[in-house]
Each structure stands twice: as structure tokens, then as C-alpha cells.
């Protein structure tokens, strides 16, 4: 892969799970999930629909570093 000088793509970024980012930002994983739920670039990994309708579906979230930086900058401007 040639270096085009543009920098890494989102796919090549390091990705955080909410627990990791919450630890870095000194907040709860639930707060991170709420902040990034509808943010463009966040990856949501949904398992297939369970056979038992009462079983809870756990959706995994992966947050690229570039998205975390963008949200942090947006939040910093508000404060």
C-alpha cells in the first residue's frame, strides 16, 4: 500500500469500545454510548435476530479515533 500523504482512513484508525473511551474521558460507558449513538463513522455490529424473542440483542460499538476527536472538539467548544 503506497503512502499518498493523506493520512490513515477511518478503517485504519484505532477503534475504541465505549468502556475504553469512558476510562480515558473519566465518564461512564453509558454516557459514551449516548454521545456516539447517532454519530457518523461509528460502527455498530448487530448480531442476527435471536430465535427467542425475549432474548436481549447486544449491539457492539466501535468508535474510530478520528470520530472521538471530532466529538471531543465539538463538546469542548460548547463548554
Protein backbone atom coordinates (compact mmCIF):
# COMPACT_ATOMS: atom_id res chain seq x y z
CA UNK A 1 0.00 0.00 0.00
CA UNK A 2 1.51 3.32 -1.07
CA UNK A 3 1.62 6.32 1.22
CA UNK A 4 -0.36 9.05 -0.52
CA UNK A 5 0.25 11.64 2.20
CA UNK A 6 -3.46 11.95 3.01
CA UNK A 7 -3.20 10.01 6.27
CA UNK A 8 -4.96 6.92 7.55
CA UNK A 9 -8.54 6.22 6.61
CA UNK A 10 -11.20 5.58 9.21
CA UNK A 11 -10.83 1.85 8.54
CA UNK A 12 -7.16 2.08 9.50
CA UNK A 13 -7.82 4.16 12.64
CA UNK A 14 -7.56 2.63 16.05
CA UNK A 15 -11.08 1.91 17.32
CA UNK A 16 -12.32 2.22 20.90
CA UNK A 17 -15.09 0.33 22.62
CA UNK A 18 -17.24 2.52 24.91
CA UNK A 19 -15.58 1.13 28.05
CA UNK A 20 -12.10 2.22 26.86
CA UNK A 21 -13.16 5.69 25.81
CA UNK A 22 -15.14 6.15 29.04
CA UNK A 23 -11.99 5.41 31.03
CA UNK A 24 -9.99 7.96 29.01
CA UNK A 25 -12.70 10.63 29.34
CA UNK A 26 -13.47 9.83 33.01
CA UNK A 27 -17.14 9.12 32.38
CA UNK A 28 -19.42 6.09 32.18
CA UNK A 29 -19.70 3.72 29.20
CA UNK A 30 -23.42 4.55 29.03
CA UNK A 31 -22.60 8.24 28.56
CA UNK A 32 -20.22 7.33 25.74
CA UNK A 33 -22.88 5.16 24.10
CA UNK A 34 -25.38 8.03 24.23
CA UNK A 35 -22.86 10.56 22.86
CA UNK A 36 -21.84 8.36 19.92
CA UNK A 37 -25.12 6.52 19.17
CA UNK A 38 -26.00 8.58 16.06
CA UNK A 39 -22.53 9.88 15.21
CA UNK A 40 -21.40 9.30 11.59
CA UNK A 41 -18.44 6.93 11.33
CA UNK A 42 -19.25 4.86 14.42
CA UNK A 43 -19.51 1.16 13.69
CA UNK A 44 -22.44 -0.75 15.17
CA UNK A 45 -22.15 -4.52 14.99
CA UNK A 46 -25.56 -6.12 15.35
CA UNK A 47 -25.91 -9.87 15.84
CA UNK A 48 -28.58 -11.78 13.92
CA UNK A 49 -32.10 -11.63 15.31
CA UNK A 50 -32.36 -14.10 18.20
CA UNK A 51 -34.61 -17.12 17.87
CA UNK A 52 -36.09 -16.42 21.30
CA UNK A 53 -37.93 -13.08 21.13
CA UNK A 54 -37.25 -12.26 24.78
CA UNK A 55 -33.51 -12.59 24.47
CA UNK A 56 -31.73 -9.24 24.52
CA UNK A 57 -29.62 -8.33 21.48
CA UNK A 58 -26.25 -6.88 22.41
CA UNK A 59 -25.04 -4.38 19.83
CA UNK A 60 -21.29 -3.81 19.80
CA UNK A 61 -20.00 -0.29 19.20
CA UNK A 62 -16.61 0.64 17.75
CA UNK A 63 -15.56 4.30 17.77
CA UNK A 64 -12.70 5.35 15.46
CA UNK A 65 -10.12 7.73 16.95
CA UNK A 66 -10.94 10.37 14.32
CA UNK A 67 -14.63 10.32 15.31
CA UNK A 68 -13.73 10.54 19.01
CA UNK A 69 -11.51 13.55 18.30
CA UNK A 70 -14.28 15.24 16.30
CA UNK A 71 -16.85 14.74 19.07
CA UNK A 72 -14.38 15.87 21.74
CA UNK A 73 -13.66 19.06 19.79
CA UNK A 74 -17.40 19.69 19.35
CA UNK A 75 -18.02 19.17 23.08
CA UNK A 76 -15.05 21.39 24.02
CA UNK A 77 -16.46 24.32 22.02
CA UNK A 78 -19.75 24.14 23.91
CA UNK A 79 -18.11 24.33 27.33
